[in-house]
C-alpha atoms as a PDB file:
ATOM      1  CA  MET A   1       0.039  -0.063   0.019  1.00  0.00           C
ATOM      2  CA  ASN A   2       2.788   2.385  -0.919  1.00  0.00           C
ATOM      3  CA  GLU A   3       0.487   4.498  -2.979  1.00  0.00           C
ATOM      4  CA  ILE A   4      -1.339   5.939   0.111  1.00  0.00           C
ATOM      5  CA  SER A   5       0.119   7.744   3.248  1.00  0.00           C
ATOM      6  CA  PRO A   6       0.688   5.953   6.585  1.00  0.00           C
ATOM      7  CA  ILE A   7      -2.200   8.299   8.078  1.00  0.00           C
ATOM      8  CA  GLU A   8      -4.502   7.539   5.225  1.00  0.00           C
ATOM      9  CA  LEU A   9      -3.849   3.881   5.544  1.00  0.00           C
ATOM     10  CA  GLY A  10      -4.687   4.067   9.231  1.00  0.00           C
ATOM     11  CA  ARG A  11      -8.045   5.805   8.446  1.00  0.00           C
ATOM     12  CA  GLN A  12      -8.826   3.127   5.738  1.00  0.00           C
ATOM     13  CA  LEU A  13      -8.020   0.408   8.229  1.00  0.00           C
ATOM     14  CA  MET A  14     -10.526   1.751  10.640  1.00  0.00           C
ATOM     15  CA  LYS A  15     -13.313   2.195   8.045  1.00  0.00           C
ATOM     16  CA  PRO A  16     -12.389   1.053   4.434  1.00  0.00           C
ATOM     17  CA  MET A  17     -13.895   3.326   1.859  1.00  0.00           C
ATOM     18  CA  GLY A  18     -14.148   3.230  -1.846  1.00  0.00           C
ATOM     19  CA  GLU A  19     -11.572   1.449  -4.202  1.00  0.00           C
ATOM     20  CA  THR A  20      -8.744   2.264  -1.729  1.00  0.00           C
ATOM     21  CA  GLY A  21     -10.714   0.500   0.942  1.00  0.00           C
ATOM     22  CA  LEU A  22     -11.096  -2.818  -1.008  1.00  0.00           C
ATOM     23  CA  LYS A  23      -7.532  -2.920  -1.660  1.00  0.00           C
ATOM     24  CA  VAL A  24      -6.700  -2.327   2.147  1.00  0.00           C
ATOM     25  CA  ALA A  25      -9.171  -5.021   3.075  1.00  0.00           C
ATOM     26  CA  GLU A  26      -7.414  -7.556   0.841  1.00  0.00           C
ATOM     27  CA  ASN A  27      -4.209  -6.670   2.603  1.00  0.00           C
ATOM     28  CA  MET A  28      -5.696  -6.768   5.895  1.00  0.00           C
ATOM     29  CA  ASN A  29      -6.730 -10.405   5.049  1.00  0.00           C
ATOM     30  CA  ILE A  30      -3.143 -11.422   4.698  1.00  0.00           C
ATOM     31  CA  GLY A  31      -2.198 -10.062   8.041  1.00  0.00           C
ATOM     32  CA  ASN A  32      -5.320 -11.353   9.772  1.00  0.00           C
ATOM     33  CA  ASN A  33      -5.363 -14.793   8.651  1.00  0.00           C
ATOM     34  CA  GLN A  34      -2.915 -16.297  11.321  1.00  0.00           C
ATOM     35  CA  ILE A  35      -4.933 -14.356  14.332  1.00  0.00           C
ATOM     36  CA  TYR A  36      -8.273 -15.617  13.131  1.00  0.00           C
ATOM     37  CA  ASP A  37      -6.898 -19.273  13.139  1.00  0.00           C
ATOM     38  CA  PHE A  38      -5.410 -18.682  16.414  1.00  0.00           C
ATOM     39  CA  VAL A  39      -8.504 -17.038  17.975  1.00  0.00           C
ATOM     40  CA  LEU A  40     -11.027 -19.589  16.698  1.00  0.00           C
ATOM     41  CA  LEU A  41      -9.184 -22.354  18.207  1.00  0.00           C
ATOM     42  CA  GLN A  42      -9.338 -21.051  21.739  1.00  0.00           C
ATOM     43  CA  PHE A  43     -13.118 -21.341  22.381  1.00  0.00           C
ATOM     44  CA  ASP A  44     -15.770 -23.985  21.843  1.00  0.00           C
ATOM     45  CA  ILE A  45     -18.038 -23.232  19.039  1.00  0.00           C
ATOM     46  CA  LYS A  46     -21.294 -25.450  19.883  1.00  0.00           C
ATOM     47  CA  GLY A  47     -24.067 -26.262  17.674  1.00  0.00           C
ATOM     48  CA  ASN A  48     -26.951 -23.897  17.623  1.00  0.00           C
ATOM     49  CA  SER A  49     -24.867 -21.094  18.916  1.00  0.00           C
ATOM     50  CA  LYS A  50     -25.801 -17.484  17.994  1.00  0.00           C
ATOM     51  CA  ILE A  51     -22.532 -15.713  17.351  1.00  0.00           C
ATOM     52  CA  LEU A  52     -21.835 -11.977  16.580  1.00  0.00           C
ATOM     53  CA  GLU A  53     -18.762 -10.924  14.940  1.00  0.00           C
ATOM     54  CA  ILE A  54     -17.895  -7.092  15.311  1.00  0.00           C
ATOM     55  CA  GLY A  55     -15.961  -5.896  12.375  1.00  0.00           C
ATOM     56  CA  CYS A  56     -16.183  -8.573   9.786  1.00  0.00           C
ATOM     57  CA  GLY A  57     -14.259  -6.471   7.162  1.00  0.00           C
ATOM     58  CA  ASN A  58     -14.875  -7.974   3.817  1.00  0.00           C
ATOM     59  CA  GLY A  59     -16.046 -11.381   5.205  1.00  0.00           C
ATOM     60  CA  LYS A  60     -13.088 -13.198   4.003  1.00  0.00           C
ATOM     61  CA  PHE A  61     -12.944 -15.442   7.033  1.00  0.00           C
ATOM     62  CA  ILE A  62     -16.610 -15.905   7.932  1.00  0.00           C
ATOM     63  CA  SER A  63     -16.560 -19.389   6.548  1.00  0.00           C
ATOM     64  CA  LYS A  64     -14.053 -20.411   9.093  1.00  0.00           C
ATOM     65  CA  TYR A  65     -16.640 -20.461  11.817  1.00  0.00           C
ATOM     66  CA  PHE A  66     -18.679 -22.841   9.773  1.00  0.00           C
ATOM     67  CA  ASP A  67     -15.656 -25.021   9.131  1.00  0.00           C
ATOM     68  CA  ILE A  68     -15.628 -25.658  12.909  1.00  0.00           C
ATOM     69  CA  ASN A  69     -19.254 -26.186  13.171  1.00  0.00           C
ATOM     70  CA  SER A  70     -21.752 -25.768  10.421  1.00  0.00           C
ATOM     71  CA  ASN A  71     -24.828 -25.823  12.933  1.00  0.00           C
ATOM     72  CA  ILE A  72     -24.597 -22.240  14.095  1.00  0.00           C
ATOM     73  CA  HIS A  73     -26.089 -18.888  13.183  1.00  0.00           C
ATOM     74  CA  LEU A  74     -23.654 -16.178  12.761  1.00  0.00           C
ATOM     75  CA  THR A  75     -24.480 -12.315  12.601  1.00  0.00           C
ATOM     76  CA  ALA A  76     -21.647 -10.178  11.012  1.00  0.00           C
ATOM     77  CA  ILE A  77     -21.555  -6.326  11.357  1.00  0.00           C
ATOM     78  CA  ASP A  78     -19.359  -3.579  10.149  1.00  0.00           C
ATOM     79  CA  PHE A  79     -19.826   0.180   9.798  1.00  0.00           C
ATOM     80  CA  SER A  80     -18.277   0.269   6.510  1.00  0.00           C
ATOM     81  CA  ASP A  81     -20.796   0.225   3.627  1.00  0.00           C
ATOM     82  CA  VAL A  82     -18.071  -1.091   1.278  1.00  0.00           C
ATOM     83  CA  MET A  83     -17.220  -4.039   3.655  1.00  0.00           C
ATOM     84  CA  CYS A  84     -20.692  -5.053   4.114  1.00  0.00           C
ATOM     85  CA  SER A  85     -21.243  -5.231   0.344  1.00  0.00           C
ATOM     86  CA  GLU A  86     -18.114  -7.442  -0.121  1.00  0.00           C
ATOM     87  CA  THR A  87     -19.336  -9.580   2.805  1.00  0.00           C
ATOM     88  CA  LYS A  88     -22.571 -10.243   1.348  1.00  0.00           C
ATOM     89  CA  VAL A  89     -21.062 -11.067  -2.201  1.00  0.00           C
ATOM     90  CA  LEU A  90     -18.357 -13.328  -0.531  1.00  0.00           C
ATOM     91  CA  ASN A  91     -20.765 -15.233   1.598  1.00  0.00           C
ATOM     92  CA  GLU A  92     -23.857 -15.351  -0.598  1.00  0.00           C
ATOM     93  CA  SER A  93     -24.766 -19.058  -0.007  1.00  0.00           C
ATOM     94  CA  LEU A  94     -24.393 -18.752   3.652  1.00  0.00           C
ATOM     95  CA  ILE A  95     -26.956 -15.913   3.682  1.00  0.00           C
ATOM     96  CA  ASN A  96     -29.265 -17.796   1.314  1.00  0.00           C
ATOM     97  CA  ASP A  97     -29.198 -20.717   3.671  1.00  0.00           C
ATOM     98  CA  ASN A  98     -30.152 -18.469   6.726  1.00  0.00           C
ATOM     99  CA  LYS A  99     -26.929 -19.121   8.383  1.00  0.00           C
ATOM    100  CA  LEU A 100     -25.560 -15.776   8.187  1.00  0.00           C
ATOM    101  CA  LEU A 101     -26.941 -12.274   8.625  1.00  0.00           C
ATOM    102  CA  VAL A 102     -24.892  -9.229   7.589  1.00  0.00           C
ATOM    103  CA  LYS A 103     -25.840  -5.776   8.908  1.00  0.00           C
ATOM    104  CA  CYS A 104     -24.016  -2.396   8.419  1.00  0.00           C
ATOM    105  CA  GLU A 105     -23.976  -0.677  11.606  1.00  0.00           C
ATOM    106  CA  ASP A 106     -21.699   0.864  14.491  1.00  0.00           C
ATOM    107  CA  SER A 107     -21.168  -1.549  17.228  1.00  0.00           C
ATOM    108  CA  ILE A 108     -21.338   1.208  19.935  1.00  0.00           C
ATOM    109  CA  ASP A 109     -25.107   1.398  19.280  1.00  0.00           C
ATOM    110  CA  MET A 110     -26.423  -1.940  17.945  1.00  0.00           C
ATOM    111  CA  SER A 111     -29.938  -2.686  16.906  1.00  0.00           C
ATOM    112  CA  PHE A 112     -30.229  -6.026  18.500  1.00  0.00           C
ATOM    113  CA  PRO A 113     -32.501  -6.828  21.572  1.00  0.00           C
ATOM    114  CA  ASP A 114     -31.052  -7.429  24.873  1.00  0.00           C
ATOM    115  CA  GLU A 115     -29.292 -10.995  25.417  1.00  0.00           C
ATOM    116  CA  SER A 116     -29.400 -11.907  21.703  1.00  0.00           C
ATOM    117  CA  PHE A 117     -26.014 -13.869  21.468  1.00  0.00           C
ATOM    118  CA  ASP A 118     -24.167 -16.583  23.059  1.00  0.00           C
ATOM    119  CA  ILE A 119     -20.679 -15.458  21.769  1.00  0.00           C
ATOM    120  CA  VAL A 120     -19.475 -12.110  20.601  1.00  0.00           C
ATOM    121  CA  VAL A 121     -16.289 -11.961  18.774  1.00  0.00           C
ATOM    122  CA  SER A 122     -13.906  -9.091  17.960  1.00  0.00           C
ATOM    123  CA  ILE A 123     -10.824  -9.571  16.014  1.00  0.00           C
ATOM    124  CA  ASN A 124      -8.398  -6.487  15.397  1.00  0.00           C
ATOM    125  CA  THR A 125     -11.220  -3.929  16.191  1.00  0.00           C
ATOM    126  CA  VAL A 126     -10.537  -2.702  19.765  1.00  0.00           C
ATOM    127  CA  TYR A 127      -8.126  -0.148  18.513  1.00  0.00           C
ATOM    128  CA  PHE A 128     -10.820   1.904  16.815  1.00  0.00           C
ATOM    129  CA  TRP A 129     -13.206   1.960  19.775  1.00  0.00           C
ATOM    130  CA  LYS A 130     -13.320   5.688  20.918  1.00  0.00           C
ATOM    131  CA  ALA A 131     -15.410   5.129  23.835  1.00  0.00           C
ATOM    132  CA  ILE A 132     -14.382   1.723  25.116  1.00  0.00           C
ATOM    133  CA  GLU A 133     -16.555   1.702  28.208  1.00  0.00           C
ATOM    134  CA  LYS A 134     -19.595   2.507  26.273  1.00  0.00           C
ATOM    135  CA  GLN A 135     -18.732  -0.158  23.666  1.00  0.00           C
ATOM    136  CA  LEU A 136     -18.181  -2.877  26.203  1.00  0.00           C
ATOM    137  CA  ASN A 137     -21.523  -2.022  27.936  1.00  0.00           C
ATOM    138  CA  GLU A 138     -23.248  -2.406  24.541  1.00  0.00           C
ATOM    139  CA  ILE A 139     -21.548  -5.650  24.081  1.00  0.00           C
ATOM    140  CA  LYS A 140     -22.583  -6.843  27.501  1.00  0.00           C
ATOM    141  CA  ARG A 141     -26.174  -5.822  26.870  1.00  0.00           C
ATOM    142  CA  ILE A 142     -26.600  -8.070  23.756  1.00  0.00           C
ATOM    143  CA  MET A 143     -24.940 -10.962  25.325  1.00  0.00           C
ATOM    144  CA  LYS A 144     -26.865 -13.584  27.089  1.00  0.00           C
ATOM    145  CA  LYS A 145     -25.786 -14.130  30.700  1.00  0.00           C
ATOM    146  CA  GLY A 146     -22.967 -16.680  30.939  1.00  0.00           C
ATOM    147  CA  GLY A 147     -22.206 -15.875  27.370  1.00  0.00           C
ATOM    148  CA  PHE A 148     -18.494 -15.429  26.066  1.00  0.00           C
ATOM    149  CA  PHE A 149     -16.769 -12.240  24.783  1.00  0.00           C
ATOM    150  CA  VAL A 150     -13.763 -13.308  22.627  1.00  0.00           C
ATOM    151  CA  MET A 151     -11.259 -10.512  21.613  1.00  0.00           C
ATOM    152  CA  GLY A 152      -8.230 -10.894  19.222  1.00  0.00           C
ATOM    153  CA  TYR A 153      -5.759  -8.126  19.165  1.00  0.00           C
ATOM    154  CA  ARG A 154      -2.139  -7.226  18.925  1.00  0.00           C
ATOM    155  CA  PRO A 155      -0.612  -5.364  22.032  1.00  0.00           C
ATOM    156  CA  GLU A 156       0.735  -1.824  22.274  1.00  0.00           C
ATOM    157  CA  CYS A 157       4.436  -3.248  22.333  1.00  0.00           C
ATOM    158  CA  VAL A 158       4.235  -4.531  18.876  1.00  0.00           C
ATOM    159  CA  MET A 159       1.985  -1.746  17.253  1.00  0.00           C
ATOM    160  CA  LYS A 160       3.279   1.420  18.516  1.00  0.00           C
ATOM    161  CA  ASP A 161       6.057   2.016  16.199  1.00  0.00           C
ATOM    162  CA  LEU A 162       3.993   1.147  12.832  1.00  0.00           C
ATOM    163  CA  PRO A 163       3.591   4.351  11.033  1.00  0.00           C
ATOM    164  CA  PHE A 164      -0.217   3.773  10.297  1.00  0.00           C
ATOM    165  CA  THR A 165      -1.088   3.329  13.985  1.00  0.00           C
ATOM    166  CA  GLN A 166      -0.138   7.080  14.895  1.00  0.00           C
ATOM    167  CA  GLU A 167      -3.499   8.782  14.286  1.00  0.00           C
ATOM    168  CA  VAL A 168      -6.657   6.728  14.775  1.00  0.00           C
ATOM    169  CA  PHE A 169      -5.517   3.745  16.753  1.00  0.00           C
ATOM    170  CA  THR A 170      -5.819   3.478  20.493  1.00  0.00           C
ATOM    171  CA  LEU A 171      -3.370   0.688  21.632  1.00  0.00           C
ATOM    172  CA  TYR A 172      -3.443  -1.418  24.681  1.00  0.00           C
ATOM    173  CA  ASP A 173      -1.233  -3.113  27.103  1.00  0.00           C
ATOM    174  CA  PRO A 174      -2.856  -6.430  28.079  1.00  0.00           C
ATOM    175  CA  GLU A 175      -2.935  -5.847  31.734  1.00  0.00           C
ATOM    176  CA  ASP A 176      -4.821  -2.317  31.243  1.00  0.00           C
ATOM    177  CA  LEU A 177      -7.323  -4.031  28.737  1.00  0.00           C
ATOM    178  CA  GLN A 178      -8.188  -6.889  31.091  1.00  0.00           C
ATOM    179  CA  LEU A 179      -8.637  -4.312  33.891  1.00  0.00           C
ATOM    180  CA  LEU A 180     -11.062  -2.312  31.795  1.00  0.00           C
ATOM    181  CA  ILE A 181     -13.122  -5.475  30.733  1.00  0.00           C
ATOM    182  CA  LYS A 182     -13.435  -6.580  34.222  1.00  0.00           C
ATOM    183  CA  GLN A 183     -14.351  -3.027  35.469  1.00  0.00           C
ATOM    184  CA  ASN A 184     -17.352  -3.260  32.960  1.00  0.00           C
ATOM    185  CA  GLY A 185     -19.005  -6.435  34.085  1.00  0.00           C
ATOM    186  CA  PHE A 186     -17.119  -9.304  32.588  1.00  0.00           C
ATOM    187  CA  GLY A 187     -14.911 -11.929  34.206  1.00  0.00           C
ATOM    188  CA  ILE A 188     -11.694 -12.927  32.650  1.00  0.00           C
ATOM    189  CA  ILE A 189     -11.729 -16.662  31.679  1.00  0.00           C
ATOM    190  CA  LYS A 190      -8.406 -16.905  29.892  1.00  0.00           C
ATOM    191  CA  GLU A 191      -5.748 -15.180  27.882  1.00  0.00           C
ATOM    192  CA  GLU A 192      -3.622 -16.905  25.327  1.00  0.00           C
ATOM    193  CA  LYS A 193      -0.604 -15.546  23.254  1.00  0.00           C
ATOM    194  CA  GLN A 194       1.466 -16.727  20.186  1.00  0.00           C
ATOM    195  CA  ARG A 195       4.327 -15.026  18.626  1.00  0.00           C
ATOM    196  CA  THR A 196       4.318 -14.799  14.923  1.00  0.00           C
ATOM    197  CA  SER A 197       6.267 -13.548  12.071  1.00  0.00           C
ATOM    198  CA  ARG A 198       3.881 -11.875   9.387  1.00  0.00           C
ATOM    199  CA  LYS A 199       3.611  -9.430   6.691  1.00  0.00           C
ATOM    200  CA  SER A 200       2.089  -6.098   7.879  1.00  0.00           C
ATOM    201  CA  VAL A 201      -0.686  -4.374   5.981  1.00  0.00           C
ATOM    202  CA  ASP A 202       1.894  -1.933   4.541  1.00  0.00           C
ATOM    203  CA  GLY A 203       3.816  -4.934   3.288  1.00  0.00           C
ATOM    204  CA  SER A 204       6.669  -4.893   5.773  1.00  0.00           C
ATOM    205  CA  LEU A 205       7.697  -8.164   7.526  1.00  0.00           C
ATOM    206  CA  ILE A 206       7.245  -7.677  11.392  1.00  0.00           C
ATOM    207  CA  GLN A 207       7.785  -9.935  14.547  1.00  0.00           C
ATOM    208  CA  SER A 208       4.254  -9.861  16.287  1.00  0.00           C
ATOM    209  CA  ILE A 209       2.236 -11.105  19.044  1.00  0.00           C
ATOM    210  CA  ASP A 210      -1.331 -12.202  18.704  1.00  0.00           C
ATOM    211  CA  ILE A 211      -3.464 -12.289  21.800  1.00  0.00           C
ATOM    212  CA  CYS A 212      -6.916 -14.102  22.420  1.00  0.00           C
ATOM    213  CA  LEU A 213      -8.912 -12.845  25.571  1.00  0.00           C
ATOM    214  CA  ILE A 214     -11.926 -14.597  26.635  1.00  0.00           C
ATOM    215  CA  ALA A 215     -14.221 -13.096  29.125  1.00  0.00           C
ATOM    216  CA  GLU A 216     -17.572 -14.161  30.520  1.00  0.00           C
ATOM    217  CA  LYS A 217     -20.720 -12.020  31.085  1.00  0.00           C
ATOM    218  CA  ARG A 218     -21.434 -12.033  34.748  1.00  0.00           C
END
């Protein structure tokens, strides 16, 4: 993505728009493949589970849920019109089979009734939550009691020096993020980490850490 500035790249990572956003999403998929595989191995996807993914991007990885258990219902949301349109195209058969619902909306104010989901998944989106306490309360609202909140992210120590994270990203130390989650009505179940070498969205090869944090609605 050398044709756009680091600042513009950061903005597009937050909310892909237009043709540039489509290209950025394709590059995101390269960097996100490992963390998706890692996160989805950390929790049990049971049959008949109602799952929400926050920030699905272009929907490239939605099929991974169904590879684990085909007897689930997944709702995927993103606040980028372009990403929602791509998700619908890439996953048309799942939508037609009533296994997937795609909605374009902001996760800080969701349209779902209280206690709608067994599991809420967020992978590489926490950096863009501008009011994290309000965001966590909204996630808690739409989760069933005893449901699981699964968050995949990369910590501040591996993100802070990347040029595209300097404007719209909010980065977190794992201990600080755990504290925020506990203070907002969740109990921490576990945290797992993996170290990886991966290609960043800007094309550079970096040493990284993927973290999966799983919390329960109390």
